[in-house]
Amino acid sequence: MNSDKIILDLFAGSGAWSRDYVKAGYDVRLITLPDYDVRTYEPPSDVYGILAAPPCAEFSCAKGSLPRDFAGAMELVESAERIIRACRMDGRLQFWCLENPVGLLRQFLGKPPLTIHYWWYGGDRDKPTDLWGYFNFPKRRYWQPAGLLANMRNTPNWDGKAREKRAVTPAGFAQAFFEANQ
C-alpha cells in the first residue's frame, strides 16, 4: 500500500526520523554519508516526502565564538533545498521538512513556521528545534515537561558522545511527525 511512496531522509544518520515510515512499508531511502552525498545526489522523479536534518554544529549557539564554516554548512542546506525543489517540480511531493536546533540557521532561512521542544512528544530533554517546510504540524502530546535531563552527562550510561546522542531524532517526535504526514 505504501511501498510506492518514496521518502528521502537527507542527512539520515541513524535513520531515526524515518523509522516509522519504514515500519509502515514506505520506500525509505537514507541519503547520508558514506553511501550518498547530498551535494551530488539526484533524486528519483516520484518522491512522496522529504525529511532533512542537516548538520547543526556550524549553526549552533553552543559553538560560541569559535570559528564557523558557514559556507560549508550552507552548501549542505542548499543541496537539500535543491533536492526539495527538484522533487516539488516533479509534482508528486506531498510534504517536506528541514529541521535544525534553534540557532543561526534562522539568519539564512528566516524564522521557521514551527519551533518545537522534544519534550512535547515525550522526549527526556529540552532541545528547541526549528522546522521549515511544507508539512502538517505534528500534534503536541504533553503540556508540561516530565523530568527533563538538565545535562546529557546525567543520562544513564553517558559515554561522552553527547553531540551524537543529541543529534538522534527522538522517537516520540518522529512518531508524531509520521502520524501527521503519511
C-alpha atoms as a PDB file:
ATOM      1  CA  MET A   1       0.000   0.000   0.000  1.00  0.00           C
ATOM      2  CA  ASN A   2       2.777   2.474   0.868  1.00  0.00           C
ATOM      3  CA  SER A   3       5.586   0.706  -0.976  1.00  0.00           C
ATOM      4  CA  ASP A   4       5.180   3.037  -3.958  1.00  0.00           C
ATOM      5  CA  LYS A   5       5.724   6.133  -1.775  1.00  0.00           C
ATOM      6  CA  ILE A   6       9.369   7.207  -1.670  1.00  0.00           C
ATOM      7  CA  ILE A   7      10.606   9.041   1.407  1.00  0.00           C
ATOM      8  CA  LEU A   8      14.039  10.649   1.213  1.00  0.00           C
ATOM      9  CA  ASP A   9      15.753  11.002   4.583  1.00  0.00           C
ATOM     10  CA  LEU A  10      18.519  13.523   3.886  1.00  0.00           C
ATOM     11  CA  PHE A  11      21.429  13.526   6.340  1.00  0.00           C
ATOM     12  CA  ALA A  12      19.744  10.443   7.820  1.00  0.00           C
ATOM     13  CA  GLY A  13      22.431   9.452  10.302  1.00  0.00           C
ATOM     14  CA  SER A  14      20.770   6.723  12.362  1.00  0.00           C
ATOM     15  CA  GLY A  15      17.553   6.842  10.321  1.00  0.00           C
ATOM     16  CA  ALA A  16      15.554   7.550  13.494  1.00  0.00           C
ATOM     17  CA  TRP A  17      13.298  10.194  11.905  1.00  0.00           C
ATOM     18  CA  SER A  18      12.185   7.931   9.054  1.00  0.00           C
ATOM     19  CA  ARG A  19      11.904   4.707  11.089  1.00  0.00           C
ATOM     20  CA  ASP A  20       8.086   4.861  11.339  1.00  0.00           C
ATOM     21  CA  TYR A  21       7.851   5.224   7.555  1.00  0.00           C
ATOM     22  CA  VAL A  22       9.981   2.082   7.174  1.00  0.00           C
ATOM     23  CA  LYS A  23       7.683   0.202   9.588  1.00  0.00           C
ATOM     24  CA  ALA A  24       4.646   1.331   7.571  1.00  0.00           C
ATOM     25  CA  GLY A  25       6.126  -0.078   4.360  1.00  0.00           C
ATOM     26  CA  TYR A  26       7.231   3.133   2.642  1.00  0.00           C
ATOM     27  CA  ASP A  27      10.210   3.035   0.288  1.00  0.00           C
ATOM     28  CA  VAL A  28      12.601   4.959   2.551  1.00  0.00           C
ATOM     29  CA  ARG A  29      15.960   5.993   1.170  1.00  0.00           C
ATOM     30  CA  LEU A  30      18.625   7.109   3.622  1.00  0.00           C
ATOM     31  CA  ILE A  31      20.681   9.730   1.841  1.00  0.00           C
ATOM     32  CA  THR A  32      23.699  10.057   4.103  1.00  0.00           C
ATOM     33  CA  LEU A  33      27.441   9.606   4.004  1.00  0.00           C
ATOM     34  CA  PRO A  34      29.325   7.433   3.265  1.00  0.00           C
ATOM     35  CA  ASP A  35      26.917   5.847   0.757  1.00  0.00           C
ATOM     36  CA  TYR A  36      25.314   9.037  -0.570  1.00  0.00           C
ATOM     37  CA  ASP A  37      26.437  12.646  -0.592  1.00  0.00           C
ATOM     38  CA  VAL A  38      23.527  15.099  -0.523  1.00  0.00           C
ATOM     39  CA  ARG A  39      25.634  17.560  -2.515  1.00  0.00           C
ATOM     40  CA  THR A  40      25.723  15.264  -5.556  1.00  0.00           C
ATOM     41  CA  TYR A  41      22.559  13.202  -5.061  1.00  0.00           C
ATOM     42  CA  GLU A  42      19.997  13.242  -7.864  1.00  0.00           C
ATOM     43  CA  PRO A  43      16.544  12.206  -6.611  1.00  0.00           C
ATOM     44  CA  PRO A  44      14.171   9.932  -8.481  1.00  0.00           C
ATOM     45  CA  SER A  45      11.193  11.531 -10.194  1.00  0.00           C
ATOM     46  CA  ASP A  46       8.421  10.310  -7.889  1.00  0.00           C
ATOM     47  CA  VAL A  47       9.381  11.310  -4.335  1.00  0.00           C
ATOM     48  CA  TYR A  48       6.454  11.472  -1.888  1.00  0.00           C
ATOM     49  CA  GLY A  49       8.116  13.082   1.156  1.00  0.00           C
ATOM     50  CA  ILE A  50      11.433  14.522   2.296  1.00  0.00           C
ATOM     51  CA  LEU A  51      12.926  14.699   5.775  1.00  0.00           C
ATOM     52  CA  ALA A  52      16.091  16.799   6.025  1.00  0.00           C
ATOM     53  CA  ALA A  53      18.249  17.228   9.116  1.00  0.00           C
ATOM     54  CA  PRO A  54      21.468  18.972   8.038  1.00  0.00           C
ATOM     55  CA  PRO A  55      24.358  19.020  10.499  1.00  0.00           C
ATOM     56  CA  CYS A  56      23.864  21.745  13.073  1.00  0.00           C
ATOM     57  CA  ALA A  57      27.350  22.312  14.501  1.00  0.00           C
ATOM     58  CA  GLU A  58      28.099  25.453  12.478  1.00  0.00           C
ATOM     59  CA  PHE A  59      24.701  26.995  13.255  1.00  0.00           C
ATOM     60  CA  SER A  60      24.685  26.089  16.945  1.00  0.00           C
ATOM     61  CA  CYS A  61      24.753  28.873  19.503  1.00  0.00           C
ATOM     62  CA  ALA A  62      26.676  26.438  21.720  1.00  0.00           C
ATOM     63  CA  LYS A  63      29.686  26.931  19.449  1.00  0.00           C
ATOM     64  CA  GLY A  64      30.061  30.390  20.952  1.00  0.00           C
ATOM     65  CA  SER A  65      32.841  32.481  19.466  1.00  0.00           C
ATOM     66  CA  LEU A  66      34.714  29.595  17.849  1.00  0.00           C
ATOM     67  CA  PRO A  67      35.318  29.973  14.083  1.00  0.00           C
ATOM     68  CA  ARG A  68      32.429  28.824  11.886  1.00  0.00           C
ATOM     69  CA  ASP A  69      32.300  27.390   8.386  1.00  0.00           C
ATOM     70  CA  PHE A  70      29.023  28.931   7.233  1.00  0.00           C
ATOM     71  CA  ALA A  71      29.942  28.419   3.567  1.00  0.00           C
ATOM     72  CA  GLY A  72      30.393  24.666   4.018  1.00  0.00           C
ATOM     73  CA  ALA A  73      27.321  24.321   6.223  1.00  0.00           C
ATOM     74  CA  MET A  74      25.148  26.314   3.823  1.00  0.00           C
ATOM     75  CA  GLU A  75      26.370  24.196   0.907  1.00  0.00           C
ATOM     76  CA  LEU A  76      24.699  21.236   2.623  1.00  0.00           C
ATOM     77  CA  VAL A  77      21.479  23.154   3.355  1.00  0.00           C
ATOM     78  CA  GLU A  78      21.367  24.463  -0.230  1.00  0.00           C
ATOM     79  CA  SER A  79      21.882  20.922  -1.532  1.00  0.00           C
ATOM     80  CA  ALA A  80      18.858  19.788   0.469  1.00  0.00           C
ATOM     81  CA  GLU A  81      16.868  22.724  -0.904  1.00  0.00           C
ATOM     82  CA  ARG A  82      17.933  21.789  -4.462  1.00  0.00           C
ATOM     83  CA  ILE A  83      16.635  18.250  -3.951  1.00  0.00           C
ATOM     84  CA  ILE A  84      13.383  19.559  -2.451  1.00  0.00           C
ATOM     85  CA  ARG A  85      12.838  21.932  -5.392  1.00  0.00           C
ATOM     86  CA  ALA A  86      13.530  19.189  -7.936  1.00  0.00           C
ATOM     87  CA  CYS A  87      11.050  16.856  -6.246  1.00  0.00           C
ATOM     88  CA  ARG A  88       8.402  19.571  -5.901  1.00  0.00           C
ATOM     89  CA  MET A  89       8.669  20.488  -9.577  1.00  0.00           C
ATOM     90  CA  ASP A  90       8.056  16.841 -10.406  1.00  0.00           C
ATOM     91  CA  GLY A  91       4.607  17.260  -8.851  1.00  0.00           C
ATOM     92  CA  ARG A  92       4.197  14.298  -6.519  1.00  0.00           C
ATOM     93  CA  LEU A  93       5.906  15.684  -3.399  1.00  0.00           C
ATOM     94  CA  GLN A  94       3.321  15.771  -0.595  1.00  0.00           C
ATOM     95  CA  PHE A  95       5.471  17.142   2.227  1.00  0.00           C
ATOM     96  CA  TRP A  96       8.967  18.198   3.130  1.00  0.00           C
ATOM     97  CA  CYS A  97      10.580  19.308   6.364  1.00  0.00           C
ATOM     98  CA  LEU A  98      14.019  20.683   7.194  1.00  0.00           C
ATOM     99  CA  GLU A  99      14.899  20.634  10.897  1.00  0.00           C
ATOM    100  CA  ASN A 100      17.702  22.193  12.880  1.00  0.00           C
ATOM    101  CA  PRO A 101      18.053  23.223  16.521  1.00  0.00           C
ATOM    102  CA  VAL A 102      17.204  26.860  17.171  1.00  0.00           C
ATOM    103  CA  GLY A 103      20.307  28.780  16.207  1.00  0.00           C
ATOM    104  CA  LEU A 104      21.987  30.746  13.472  1.00  0.00           C
ATOM    105  CA  LEU A 105      20.360  28.939  10.529  1.00  0.00           C
ATOM    106  CA  ARG A 106      17.480  31.384  11.082  1.00  0.00           C
ATOM    107  CA  GLN A 107      19.784  34.127   9.820  1.00  0.00           C
ATOM    108  CA  PHE A 108      19.869  32.345   6.455  1.00  0.00           C
ATOM    109  CA  LEU A 109      16.392  30.793   6.142  1.00  0.00           C
ATOM    110  CA  GLY A 110      14.338  33.217   8.229  1.00  0.00           C
ATOM    111  CA  LYS A 111      12.027  32.387  11.083  1.00  0.00           C
ATOM    112  CA  PRO A 112      10.510  28.906  10.669  1.00  0.00           C
ATOM    113  CA  PRO A 113       6.770  28.219  10.708  1.00  0.00           C
ATOM    114  CA  LEU A 114       7.191  25.930  13.725  1.00  0.00           C
ATOM    115  CA  THR A 115       9.593  25.644  16.636  1.00  0.00           C
ATOM    116  CA  ILE A 116       9.147  22.580  18.832  1.00  0.00           C
ATOM    117  CA  HIS A 117      10.566  21.151  22.041  1.00  0.00           C
ATOM    118  CA  TYR A 118      11.164  17.412  22.053  1.00  0.00           C
ATOM    119  CA  TRP A 119       9.549  17.035  25.485  1.00  0.00           C
ATOM    120  CA  TRP A 120       6.231  17.981  23.782  1.00  0.00           C
ATOM    121  CA  TYR A 121       6.403  14.465  22.300  1.00  0.00           C
ATOM    122  CA  GLY A 122       7.677  12.613  25.359  1.00  0.00           C
ATOM    123  CA  GLY A 123      11.388  13.303  24.925  1.00  0.00           C
ATOM    124  CA  ASP A 124      13.578  13.491  28.005  1.00  0.00           C
ATOM    125  CA  ARG A 125      15.407  16.689  27.075  1.00  0.00           C
ATOM    126  CA  ASP A 126      14.648  20.215  26.008  1.00  0.00           C
ATOM    127  CA  LYS A 127      16.139  20.929  22.623  1.00  0.00           C
ATOM    128  CA  PRO A 128      14.232  23.766  20.943  1.00  0.00           C
ATOM    129  CA  THR A 129      14.174  22.787  17.278  1.00  0.00           C
ATOM    130  CA  ASP A 130      13.106  24.763  14.214  1.00  0.00           C
ATOM    131  CA  LEU A 131      11.096  23.154  11.418  1.00  0.00           C
ATOM    132  CA  TRP A 132      10.892  24.744   7.973  1.00  0.00           C
ATOM    133  CA  GLY A 133       8.913  23.309   5.091  1.00  0.00           C
ATOM    134  CA  TYR A 134       5.559  22.237   3.789  1.00  0.00           C
ATOM    135  CA  PHE A 135       4.084  19.690   6.190  1.00  0.00           C
ATOM    136  CA  ASN A 136       1.290  19.077   8.669  1.00  0.00           C
ATOM    137  CA  PHE A 137       2.312  20.105  12.156  1.00  0.00           C
ATOM    138  CA  PRO A 138       2.870  17.133  14.470  1.00  0.00           C
ATOM    139  CA  LYS A 139       0.336  17.044  17.283  1.00  0.00           C
ATOM    140  CA  ARG A 140       1.768  18.094  20.610  1.00  0.00           C
ATOM    141  CA  ARG A 141       1.224  15.415  23.277  1.00  0.00           C
ATOM    142  CA  TYR A 142       2.484  16.977  26.507  1.00  0.00           C
ATOM    143  CA  TRP A 143       1.983  20.407  28.037  1.00  0.00           C
ATOM    144  CA  GLN A 144       4.422  20.100  30.916  1.00  0.00           C
ATOM    145  CA  PRO A 145       7.884  18.559  30.873  1.00  0.00           C
ATOM    146  CA  ALA A 146       8.180  15.299  32.770  1.00  0.00           C
ATOM    147  CA  GLY A 147      11.584  15.224  34.409  1.00  0.00           C
ATOM    148  CA  LEU A 148      13.847  16.720  31.782  1.00  0.00           C
ATOM    149  CA  LEU A 149      17.503  15.853  31.923  1.00  0.00           C
ATOM    150  CA  ALA A 150      19.372  19.083  32.598  1.00  0.00           C
ATOM    151  CA  ASN A 151      22.552  17.830  31.000  1.00  0.00           C
ATOM    152  CA  MET A 152      23.481  14.939  28.719  1.00  0.00           C
ATOM    153  CA  ARG A 153      26.092  13.919  31.317  1.00  0.00           C
ATOM    154  CA  ASN A 154      23.188  12.922  33.582  1.00  0.00           C
ATOM    155  CA  THR A 155      21.906  10.334  31.131  1.00  0.00           C
ATOM    156  CA  PRO A 156      22.347   6.696  32.090  1.00  0.00           C
ATOM    157  CA  ASN A 157      25.491   5.205  30.535  1.00  0.00           C
ATOM    158  CA  TRP A 158      26.738   8.579  29.280  1.00  0.00           C
ATOM    159  CA  ASP A 159      29.929   7.894  27.359  1.00  0.00           C
ATOM    160  CA  GLY A 160      30.997  11.392  26.377  1.00  0.00           C
ATOM    161  CA  LYS A 161      29.322  11.358  22.970  1.00  0.00           C
ATOM    162  CA  ALA A 162      26.713  13.983  23.779  1.00  0.00           C
ATOM    163  CA  ARG A 163      26.715  15.573  20.323  1.00  0.00           C
ATOM    164  CA  GLU A 164      25.958  12.278  18.575  1.00  0.00           C
ATOM    165  CA  LYS A 165      23.239  11.413  21.082  1.00  0.00           C
ATOM    166  CA  ARG A 166      21.628  14.851  20.838  1.00  0.00           C
ATOM    167  CA  ALA A 167      21.607  14.562  17.034  1.00  0.00           C
ATOM    168  CA  VAL A 168      19.364  11.476  17.039  1.00  0.00           C
ATOM    169  CA  THR A 169      15.726  12.373  16.405  1.00  0.00           C
ATOM    170  CA  PRO A 170      13.699  11.317  19.476  1.00  0.00           C
ATOM    171  CA  ALA A 171      11.221   8.512  18.797  1.00  0.00           C
ATOM    172  CA  GLY A 172       8.214  10.434  20.167  1.00  0.00           C
ATOM    173  CA  PHE A 173       8.718  13.352  17.784  1.00  0.00           C
ATOM    174  CA  ALA A 174       9.428  11.025  14.845  1.00  0.00           C
ATOM    175  CA  GLN A 175       6.184   9.140  15.515  1.00  0.00           C
ATOM    176  CA  ALA A 176       4.120  12.331  15.886  1.00  0.00           C
ATOM    177  CA  PHE A 177       5.571  13.712  12.644  1.00  0.00           C
ATOM    178  CA  PHE A 178       4.809  10.439  10.852  1.00  0.00           C
ATOM    179  CA  GLU A 179       1.218  10.378  12.138  1.00  0.00           C
ATOM    180  CA  ALA A 180       0.662  13.920  10.828  1.00  0.00           C
ATOM    181  CA  ASN A 181       2.403  13.327   7.487  1.00  0.00           C
ATOM    182  CA  GLN A 182       1.541   9.972   5.934  1.00  0.00           C
END
